[in-house]
Structures are given as structure tokens and as C-alpha cells.
Amino acid sequence: MTDTVPQHVAIVMDGNRRWARRRHLPAIAGHRAGVETIRRTLRHARERGVRYLTLYSFSTENWKREPAEVEALMRLLEETILRETDSLVRDRVRLRVIGRLDDLSERLQRAIAGAVRATEGGTDTMTIAFNYGGRAEIVDAVRAVVRDGVAADAVDEAAIARRLYAPDIPDPDLLIRTGGELRVSNFLLWQVAYAEMWATPVLWPDFSVADLDSAIASYASRERRFGR
């Protein structure tokens, strides 16, 4: 049996646009509803003893969406960060944002950097993967290995792991996917090698505390082998 509660939960938050379409709403309405789900999921996860929560928010492939939706997502991220930072500080939640952040506007980068600095004293961590791709992260880690002049014979798993976007955060114990799909979708490819997986057809805006409890209960019932 595993420990009852996973230390680190990672979530592919899928289904915002489908949620909006079913209600004849614009896509951004689904993304806004998804932000509310993040808030309650973070609160309940911490109450259950989860110390790290990592959320897949915007992938490197999402730039292919309609420009208006992409621009709305950028505004929503900035708006949410500015609105929620004080609450995160008060609740002692450290915010991390991982991905190729240099591709974002300078204004958005400043908002992210300010929130990260303001919350750095938090005891639990919420990580937002934005403009993120698992393959891109590994490529960036390999580039860092080359820049650092590491000899070929000295390149091992530890050398790569130290150069990932958030090397101080433990690998996920539990990977949750909403929206009914059964794929990893280029999320934390290195880190989820031995994560337990749990999927639900529930769309992300409808993901409830009961759903999170079901995922944690499923995790607690499993025997983790780590390849053994």
C-alpha cells in the first residue's frame, strides 16, 4: 500500500473549452470557470495534506489556437496572478511558474516574477505550467548540460534532473487527468515516470472536492513498485 496521501499531485486540467461549448459560451468563459476550480482544488488538496500541486495550464502547442483565445488566456493569467497573490501570501502558498517564460510578453513576465517573489516564503507549493512542454523542458535541460561543459561520460539522470525547470520539487506521486482523455499530453514527461495515474470524464470546471478525494483514495489503495 502507498502512503495515504500523495505529497505531490499533478493535474492535466482538460475540458474548459468543451464545458463552455456545452453552455453556448465563448471559450474564455470555460477558462475563467477553470480558475475557480483551481482555487477550491488547491484549498482542499492542502487540507488533505498535499504539499505540492502542479497544474498544466498552457502548453507549447496551445499557440496554435485562435489568436483571440490565446490573447484572452494571457490576459486571464495576468489578471489572476495580480488578484490572487495577496491570498497566496496570506495562505502561505508558494507560487512557481514553469515553462518557456521568455516567450511571454514583458508585462506578463513581470507579473509572474512579482508573484513568485512575493510568495517565496510559502510552506506549500502550487506550480503553474505555462507555455510548457515536457519535451521542451528536457531539451532545455540538455542545452544547460552542454552550456555547463559537462563531459559526455558524466551525463546521467541526476545531471539532467538538476537542470529541469523546478529541480527542488519532488516528482509527482499522482497524476490526474480530467476531461475523459487517457494521455499524458507532453506534461512532466521526465517527472511522471513512476507516478500513479487517475483519469475522470469530468470536465475541469466541474471537478469537485469529491473527485479529488476519489483520486486520492484510489492512490492510497495502490502498491507503488517504481519499476521493481
C-alpha atoms as a PDB file:
ATOM      1  CA  MET A   1       0.000   0.000   0.000  1.00  0.00           C
ATOM      2  CA  THR A   2       1.117   3.616  -0.607  1.00  0.00           C
ATOM      3  CA  ASP A   3       1.141   6.369   1.955  1.00  0.00           C
ATOM      4  CA  THR A   4      -2.442   7.532   2.322  1.00  0.00           C
ATOM      5  CA  VAL A   5      -1.942  10.985   0.785  1.00  0.00           C
ATOM      6  CA  PRO A   6       0.330  11.821  -2.153  1.00  0.00           C
ATOM      7  CA  GLN A   7       2.896  14.506  -1.393  1.00  0.00           C
ATOM      8  CA  HIS A   8       2.767  15.888  -4.937  1.00  0.00           C
ATOM      9  CA  VAL A   9      -0.302  15.892  -7.193  1.00  0.00           C
ATOM     10  CA  ALA A  10      -0.046  16.968 -10.841  1.00  0.00           C
ATOM     11  CA  ILE A  11      -3.173  17.681 -12.887  1.00  0.00           C
ATOM     12  CA  VAL A  12      -3.858  17.960 -16.613  1.00  0.00           C
ATOM     13  CA  MET A  13      -6.790  20.377 -16.436  1.00  0.00           C
ATOM     14  CA  ASP A  14      -8.697  19.330 -19.541  1.00  0.00           C
ATOM     15  CA  GLY A  15     -12.200  20.293 -20.624  1.00  0.00           C
ATOM     16  CA  ASN A  16     -12.541  24.070 -20.195  1.00  0.00           C
ATOM     17  CA  ARG A  17     -13.463  24.715 -23.827  1.00  0.00           C
ATOM     18  CA  ARG A  18     -15.878  21.769 -24.017  1.00  0.00           C
ATOM     19  CA  TRP A  19     -17.529  22.995 -20.812  1.00  0.00           C
ATOM     20  CA  ALA A  20     -18.043  26.405 -22.426  1.00  0.00           C
ATOM     21  CA  ARG A  21     -19.306  24.992 -25.746  1.00  0.00           C
ATOM     22  CA  ARG A  22     -21.935  22.882 -23.987  1.00  0.00           C
ATOM     23  CA  ARG A  23     -23.265  26.101 -22.473  1.00  0.00           C
ATOM     24  CA  HIS A  24     -23.008  28.074 -25.733  1.00  0.00           C
ATOM     25  CA  LEU A  25     -20.406  30.333 -24.158  1.00  0.00           C
ATOM     26  CA  PRO A  26     -17.088  31.626 -25.511  1.00  0.00           C
ATOM     27  CA  ALA A  27     -14.021  29.544 -24.710  1.00  0.00           C
ATOM     28  CA  ILE A  28     -12.688  32.104 -22.250  1.00  0.00           C
ATOM     29  CA  ALA A  29     -15.773  31.527 -20.067  1.00  0.00           C
ATOM     30  CA  GLY A  30     -14.625  27.946 -19.606  1.00  0.00           C
ATOM     31  CA  HIS A  31     -11.121  29.068 -18.722  1.00  0.00           C
ATOM     32  CA  ARG A  32     -12.498  31.522 -16.162  1.00  0.00           C
ATOM     33  CA  ALA A  33     -14.603  28.765 -14.634  1.00  0.00           C
ATOM     34  CA  GLY A  34     -11.460  26.645 -14.530  1.00  0.00           C
ATOM     35  CA  VAL A  35      -9.720  29.282 -12.408  1.00  0.00           C
ATOM     36  CA  GLU A  36     -12.424  28.884  -9.772  1.00  0.00           C
ATOM     37  CA  THR A  37     -11.782  25.136  -9.812  1.00  0.00           C
ATOM     38  CA  ILE A  38      -8.082  25.763  -9.212  1.00  0.00           C
ATOM     39  CA  ARG A  39      -8.915  27.799  -6.138  1.00  0.00           C
ATOM     40  CA  ARG A  40     -11.073  25.138  -4.489  1.00  0.00           C
ATOM     41  CA  THR A  41      -8.774  22.283  -5.561  1.00  0.00           C
ATOM     42  CA  LEU A  42      -5.749  23.987  -4.026  1.00  0.00           C
ATOM     43  CA  ARG A  43      -7.597  24.616  -0.785  1.00  0.00           C
ATOM     44  CA  HIS A  44      -8.898  21.066  -0.467  1.00  0.00           C
ATOM     45  CA  ALA A  45      -5.608  19.466  -1.531  1.00  0.00           C
ATOM     46  CA  ARG A  46      -3.814  21.319   1.240  1.00  0.00           C
ATOM     47  CA  GLU A  47      -6.484  20.320   3.749  1.00  0.00           C
ATOM     48  CA  ARG A  48      -5.876  16.706   2.768  1.00  0.00           C
ATOM     49  CA  GLY A  49      -2.099  17.067   3.284  1.00  0.00           C
ATOM     50  CA  VAL A  50      -0.892  17.522  -0.302  1.00  0.00           C
ATOM     51  CA  ARG A  51       2.173  19.781  -0.224  1.00  0.00           C
ATOM     52  CA  TYR A  52       2.807  20.259  -3.943  1.00  0.00           C
ATOM     53  CA  LEU A  53       0.208  20.861  -6.643  1.00  0.00           C
ATOM     54  CA  THR A  54       1.295  21.238 -10.284  1.00  0.00           C
ATOM     55  CA  LEU A  55      -1.247  22.334 -12.887  1.00  0.00           C
ATOM     56  CA  TYR A  56      -0.936  22.164 -16.676  1.00  0.00           C
ATOM     57  CA  SER A  57      -2.354  25.489 -17.807  1.00  0.00           C
ATOM     58  CA  PHE A  58      -0.984  26.331 -21.277  1.00  0.00           C
ATOM     59  CA  SER A  59       1.165  24.077 -23.444  1.00  0.00           C
ATOM     60  CA  THR A  60       3.731  24.996 -26.068  1.00  0.00           C
ATOM     61  CA  GLU A  61       1.257  23.560 -28.599  1.00  0.00           C
ATOM     62  CA  ASN A  62      -1.578  25.858 -27.454  1.00  0.00           C
ATOM     63  CA  TRP A  63      -0.151  28.736 -29.503  1.00  0.00           C
ATOM     64  CA  LYS A  64      -1.870  27.045 -32.456  1.00  0.00           C
ATOM     65  CA  ARG A  65      -5.282  28.004 -31.092  1.00  0.00           C
ATOM     66  CA  GLU A  66      -7.215  31.020 -32.375  1.00  0.00           C
ATOM     67  CA  PRO A  67      -5.218  34.202 -31.649  1.00  0.00           C
ATOM     68  CA  ALA A  68      -8.152  35.761 -29.805  1.00  0.00           C
ATOM     69  CA  GLU A  69      -8.325  32.805 -27.398  1.00  0.00           C
ATOM     70  CA  VAL A  70      -4.569  32.843 -26.827  1.00  0.00           C
ATOM     71  CA  GLU A  71      -4.615  36.562 -26.090  1.00  0.00           C
ATOM     72  CA  ALA A  72      -7.536  36.089 -23.709  1.00  0.00           C
ATOM     73  CA  LEU A  73      -5.629  33.340 -21.877  1.00  0.00           C
ATOM     74  CA  MET A  74      -2.619  35.626 -21.477  1.00  0.00           C
ATOM     75  CA  ARG A  75      -4.819  38.353 -20.012  1.00  0.00           C
ATOM     76  CA  LEU A  76      -6.538  35.852 -17.746  1.00  0.00           C
ATOM     77  CA  LEU A  77      -3.222  34.605 -16.355  1.00  0.00           C
ATOM     78  CA  GLU A  78      -2.031  38.135 -15.617  1.00  0.00           C
ATOM     79  CA  GLU A  79      -5.369  39.124 -14.108  1.00  0.00           C
ATOM     80  CA  THR A  80      -5.474  36.002 -11.934  1.00  0.00           C
ATOM     81  CA  ILE A  81      -1.914  36.416 -10.707  1.00  0.00           C
ATOM     82  CA  LEU A  82      -2.481  40.047  -9.734  1.00  0.00           C
ATOM     83  CA  ARG A  83      -5.765  39.209  -7.998  1.00  0.00           C
ATOM     84  CA  GLU A  84      -4.631  36.087  -6.154  1.00  0.00           C
ATOM     85  CA  THR A  85      -1.107  36.957  -4.998  1.00  0.00           C
ATOM     86  CA  ASP A  86      -2.188  38.501  -1.693  1.00  0.00           C
ATOM     87  CA  SER A  87      -4.305  35.437  -0.906  1.00  0.00           C
ATOM     88  CA  LEU A  88      -1.408  33.127  -1.682  1.00  0.00           C
ATOM     89  CA  VAL A  89       0.870  35.138   0.610  1.00  0.00           C
ATOM     90  CA  ARG A  90      -1.734  35.101   3.378  1.00  0.00           C
ATOM     91  CA  ASP A  91      -2.292  31.352   2.987  1.00  0.00           C
ATOM     92  CA  ARG A  92       1.466  30.683   2.805  1.00  0.00           C
ATOM     93  CA  VAL A  93       1.367  29.133  -0.666  1.00  0.00           C
ATOM     94  CA  ARG A  94       4.494  29.483  -2.769  1.00  0.00           C
ATOM     95  CA  LEU A  95       3.787  30.087  -6.454  1.00  0.00           C
ATOM     96  CA  ARG A  96       6.055  28.672  -9.125  1.00  0.00           C
ATOM     97  CA  VAL A  97       5.561  29.090 -12.869  1.00  0.00           C
ATOM     98  CA  ILE A  98       7.476  26.764 -15.202  1.00  0.00           C
ATOM     99  CA  GLY A  99       7.851  26.759 -18.959  1.00  0.00           C
ATOM    100  CA  ARG A 100       9.479  28.851 -21.646  1.00  0.00           C
ATOM    101  CA  LEU A 101       8.543  32.118 -19.988  1.00  0.00           C
ATOM    102  CA  ASP A 102      10.860  34.191 -22.195  1.00  0.00           C
ATOM    103  CA  ASP A 103       8.287  33.767 -24.991  1.00  0.00           C
ATOM    104  CA  LEU A 104       5.681  35.678 -22.976  1.00  0.00           C
ATOM    105  CA  SER A 105       5.211  39.436 -23.038  1.00  0.00           C
ATOM    106  CA  GLU A 106       7.459  41.508 -20.783  1.00  0.00           C
ATOM    107  CA  ARG A 107       4.390  42.694 -18.899  1.00  0.00           C
ATOM    108  CA  LEU A 108       3.269  39.149 -18.158  1.00  0.00           C
ATOM    109  CA  GLN A 109       6.794  38.115 -17.224  1.00  0.00           C
ATOM    110  CA  ARG A 110       6.932  40.986 -14.707  1.00  0.00           C
ATOM    111  CA  ALA A 111       3.612  39.953 -13.189  1.00  0.00           C
ATOM    112  CA  ILE A 112       4.808  36.351 -12.832  1.00  0.00           C
ATOM    113  CA  ALA A 113       8.170  37.361 -11.359  1.00  0.00           C
ATOM    114  CA  GLY A 114       6.492  39.669  -8.841  1.00  0.00           C
ATOM    115  CA  ALA A 115       4.106  36.974  -7.633  1.00  0.00           C
ATOM    116  CA  VAL A 116       6.886  34.401  -7.373  1.00  0.00           C
ATOM    117  CA  ARG A 117       8.975  36.793  -5.254  1.00  0.00           C
ATOM    118  CA  ALA A 118       6.047  37.762  -3.062  1.00  0.00           C
ATOM    119  CA  THR A 119       5.118  34.160  -2.255  1.00  0.00           C
ATOM    120  CA  GLU A 120       8.565  32.655  -1.840  1.00  0.00           C
ATOM    121  CA  GLY A 121       8.059  32.220   1.914  1.00  0.00           C
ATOM    122  CA  GLY A 122       5.151  29.802   1.428  1.00  0.00           C
ATOM    123  CA  THR A 123       5.157  26.396   3.083  1.00  0.00           C
ATOM    124  CA  ASP A 124       3.262  24.561   0.314  1.00  0.00           C
ATOM    125  CA  THR A 125       3.799  24.987  -3.421  1.00  0.00           C
ATOM    126  CA  MET A 126       1.472  25.496  -6.363  1.00  0.00           C
ATOM    127  CA  THR A 127       3.224  25.290  -9.718  1.00  0.00           C
ATOM    128  CA  ILE A 128       1.611  26.533 -12.917  1.00  0.00           C
ATOM    129  CA  ALA A 129       2.985  25.016 -16.129  1.00  0.00           C
ATOM    130  CA  PHE A 130       2.527  27.793 -18.702  1.00  0.00           C
ATOM    131  CA  ASN A 131       3.965  27.776 -22.213  1.00  0.00           C
ATOM    132  CA  TYR A 132       5.188  24.392 -21.061  1.00  0.00           C
ATOM    133  CA  GLY A 133       6.041  21.183 -22.862  1.00  0.00           C
ATOM    134  CA  GLY A 134       7.676  18.103 -21.388  1.00  0.00           C
ATOM    135  CA  ARG A 135       9.899  17.583 -24.416  1.00  0.00           C
ATOM    136  CA  ALA A 136      10.858  21.259 -24.434  1.00  0.00           C
ATOM    137  CA  GLU A 137      11.841  21.004 -20.766  1.00  0.00           C
ATOM    138  CA  ILE A 138      14.121  18.043 -21.451  1.00  0.00           C
ATOM    139  CA  VAL A 139      15.658  19.835 -24.446  1.00  0.00           C
ATOM    140  CA  ASP A 140      16.296  22.899 -22.285  1.00  0.00           C
ATOM    141  CA  ALA A 141      17.892  20.717 -19.601  1.00  0.00           C
ATOM    142  CA  VAL A 142      20.194  19.088 -22.174  1.00  0.00           C
ATOM    143  CA  ARG A 143      21.149  22.519 -23.506  1.00  0.00           C
ATOM    144  CA  ALA A 144      22.053  23.529 -19.949  1.00  0.00           C
ATOM    145  CA  VAL A 145      24.216  20.420 -19.598  1.00  0.00           C
ATOM    146  CA  VAL A 146      26.092  21.397 -22.774  1.00  0.00           C
ATOM    147  CA  ARG A 147      26.466  25.042 -21.686  1.00  0.00           C
ATOM    148  CA  ASP A 148      27.829  23.883 -18.344  1.00  0.00           C
ATOM    149  CA  GLY A 149      30.525  21.873 -20.116  1.00  0.00           C
ATOM    150  CA  VAL A 150      29.585  18.536 -18.554  1.00  0.00           C
ATOM    151  CA  ALA A 151      31.658  15.733 -20.081  1.00  0.00           C
ATOM    152  CA  ALA A 152      29.668  13.122 -22.003  1.00  0.00           C
ATOM    153  CA  ASP A 153      30.647  10.340 -19.594  1.00  0.00           C
ATOM    154  CA  ALA A 154      29.421  12.454 -16.678  1.00  0.00           C
ATOM    155  CA  VAL A 155      25.908  12.943 -18.094  1.00  0.00           C
ATOM    156  CA  ASP A 156      23.492  10.823 -16.070  1.00  0.00           C
ATOM    157  CA  GLU A 157      19.909  11.094 -14.825  1.00  0.00           C
ATOM    158  CA  ALA A 158      20.972  13.298 -11.929  1.00  0.00           C
ATOM    159  CA  ALA A 159      22.695  15.735 -14.289  1.00  0.00           C
ATOM    160  CA  ILE A 160      19.507  16.117 -16.306  1.00  0.00           C
ATOM    161  CA  ALA A 161      17.219  16.272 -13.275  1.00  0.00           C
ATOM    162  CA  ARG A 162      19.228  19.092 -11.704  1.00  0.00           C
ATOM    163  CA  ARG A 163      18.615  21.202 -14.807  1.00  0.00           C
ATOM    164  CA  LEU A 164      14.859  20.772 -15.125  1.00  0.00           C
ATOM    165  CA  TYR A 165      12.667  23.821 -14.569  1.00  0.00           C
ATOM    166  CA  ALA A 166      11.942  23.103 -10.886  1.00  0.00           C
ATOM    167  CA  PRO A 167      14.595  20.652  -9.650  1.00  0.00           C
ATOM    168  CA  ASP A 168      13.799  21.319  -5.995  1.00  0.00           C
ATOM    169  CA  ILE A 169      10.257  19.990  -6.305  1.00  0.00           C
ATOM    170  CA  PRO A 170       9.801  16.216  -5.853  1.00  0.00           C
ATOM    171  CA  ASP A 171       8.398  14.141  -8.707  1.00  0.00           C
ATOM    172  CA  PRO A 172       4.604  13.780  -8.734  1.00  0.00           C
ATOM    173  CA  ASP A 173       3.169  10.857  -6.828  1.00  0.00           C
ATOM    174  CA  LEU A 174      -0.239  11.142  -8.508  1.00  0.00           C
ATOM    175  CA  LEU A 175      -1.132  12.389 -11.998  1.00  0.00           C
ATOM    176  CA  ILE A 176      -4.799  13.324 -12.506  1.00  0.00           C
ATOM    177  CA  ARG A 177      -6.362  13.966 -15.901  1.00  0.00           C
ATOM    178  CA  THR A 178      -9.839  15.404 -16.315  1.00  0.00           C
ATOM    179  CA  GLY A 179     -11.982  15.561 -19.437  1.00  0.00           C
ATOM    180  CA  GLY A 180     -12.087  11.874 -20.318  1.00  0.00           C
ATOM    181  CA  GLU A 181      -8.834  11.620 -22.273  1.00  0.00           C
ATOM    182  CA  LEU A 182      -6.220   8.962 -21.481  1.00  0.00           C
ATOM    183  CA  ARG A 183      -2.912  10.505 -22.450  1.00  0.00           C
ATOM    184  CA  VAL A 184      -0.099  12.439 -20.798  1.00  0.00           C
ATOM    185  CA  SER A 185      -0.131  15.225 -23.427  1.00  0.00           C
ATOM    186  CA  ASN A 186       3.545  16.171 -23.094  1.00  0.00           C
ATOM    187  CA  PHE A 187       3.213  17.017 -19.392  1.00  0.00           C
ATOM    188  CA  LEU A 188       6.129  16.419 -17.000  1.00  0.00           C
ATOM    189  CA  LEU A 189       7.441  13.588 -19.158  1.00  0.00           C
ATOM    190  CA  TRP A 190      10.585  13.149 -17.080  1.00  0.00           C
ATOM    191  CA  GLN A 191       8.924  13.554 -13.696  1.00  0.00           C
ATOM    192  CA  VAL A 192       5.880  11.278 -14.069  1.00  0.00           C
ATOM    193  CA  ALA A 193       7.907   8.167 -14.903  1.00  0.00           C
ATOM    194  CA  TYR A 194       6.568   6.382 -11.814  1.00  0.00           C
ATOM    195  CA  ALA A 195       3.535   8.485 -10.924  1.00  0.00           C
ATOM    196  CA  GLU A 196       0.235   6.750 -10.299  1.00  0.00           C
ATOM    197  CA  MET A 197      -2.420   7.866 -12.796  1.00  0.00           C
ATOM    198  CA  TRP A 198      -6.117   8.595 -12.327  1.00  0.00           C
ATOM    199  CA  ALA A 199      -8.478   9.835 -15.051  1.00  0.00           C
ATOM    200  CA  THR A 200     -12.058  11.067 -14.981  1.00  0.00           C
ATOM    201  CA  PRO A 201     -14.571  12.107 -17.656  1.00  0.00           C
ATOM    202  CA  VAL A 202     -15.456  15.149 -15.536  1.00  0.00           C
ATOM    203  CA  LEU A 203     -14.550  18.400 -17.285  1.00  0.00           C
ATOM    204  CA  TRP A 204     -12.136  20.574 -15.334  1.00  0.00           C
ATOM    205  CA  PRO A 205     -14.602  23.349 -14.360  1.00  0.00           C
ATOM    206  CA  ASP A 206     -16.835  20.660 -12.808  1.00  0.00           C
ATOM    207  CA  PHE A 207     -14.002  18.886 -10.961  1.00  0.00           C
ATOM    208  CA  SER A 208     -15.098  18.789  -7.330  1.00  0.00           C
ATOM    209  CA  VAL A 209     -13.556  18.116  -3.947  1.00  0.00           C
ATOM    210  CA  ALA A 210     -15.304  14.736  -4.073  1.00  0.00           C
ATOM    211  CA  ASP A 211     -13.460  13.967  -7.323  1.00  0.00           C
ATOM    212  CA  LEU A 212     -10.151  14.869  -5.707  1.00  0.00           C
ATOM    213  CA  ASP A 213     -10.992  12.649  -2.745  1.00  0.00           C
ATOM    214  CA  SER A 214     -11.746   9.785  -5.155  1.00  0.00           C
ATOM    215  CA  ALA A 215      -8.368  10.239  -6.842  1.00  0.00           C
ATOM    216  CA  ILE A 216      -6.552  10.278  -3.503  1.00  0.00           C
ATOM    217  CA  ALA A 217      -8.473   7.215  -2.312  1.00  0.00           C
ATOM    218  CA  SER A 218      -7.505   5.360  -5.492  1.00  0.00           C
ATOM    219  CA  TYR A 219      -3.868   6.347  -4.942  1.00  0.00           C
ATOM    220  CA  ALA A 220      -3.942   5.134  -1.355  1.00  0.00           C
ATOM    221  CA  SER A 221      -5.174   1.693  -2.459  1.00  0.00           C
ATOM    222  CA  ARG A 222      -2.242   1.028  -4.786  1.00  0.00           C
ATOM    223  CA  GLU A 223       1.126  -0.583  -4.289  1.00  0.00           C
ATOM    224  CA  ARG A 224       3.891   1.526  -5.814  1.00  0.00           C
ATOM    225  CA  ARG A 225       6.685  -0.569  -7.311  1.00  0.00           C
ATOM    226  CA  PHE A 226       8.892   2.034  -9.030  1.00  0.00           C
ATOM    227  CA  GLY A 227       9.822  -0.494 -11.720  1.00  0.00           C
ATOM    228  CA  ARG A 228      10.685  -3.240  -9.256  1.00  0.00           C
END
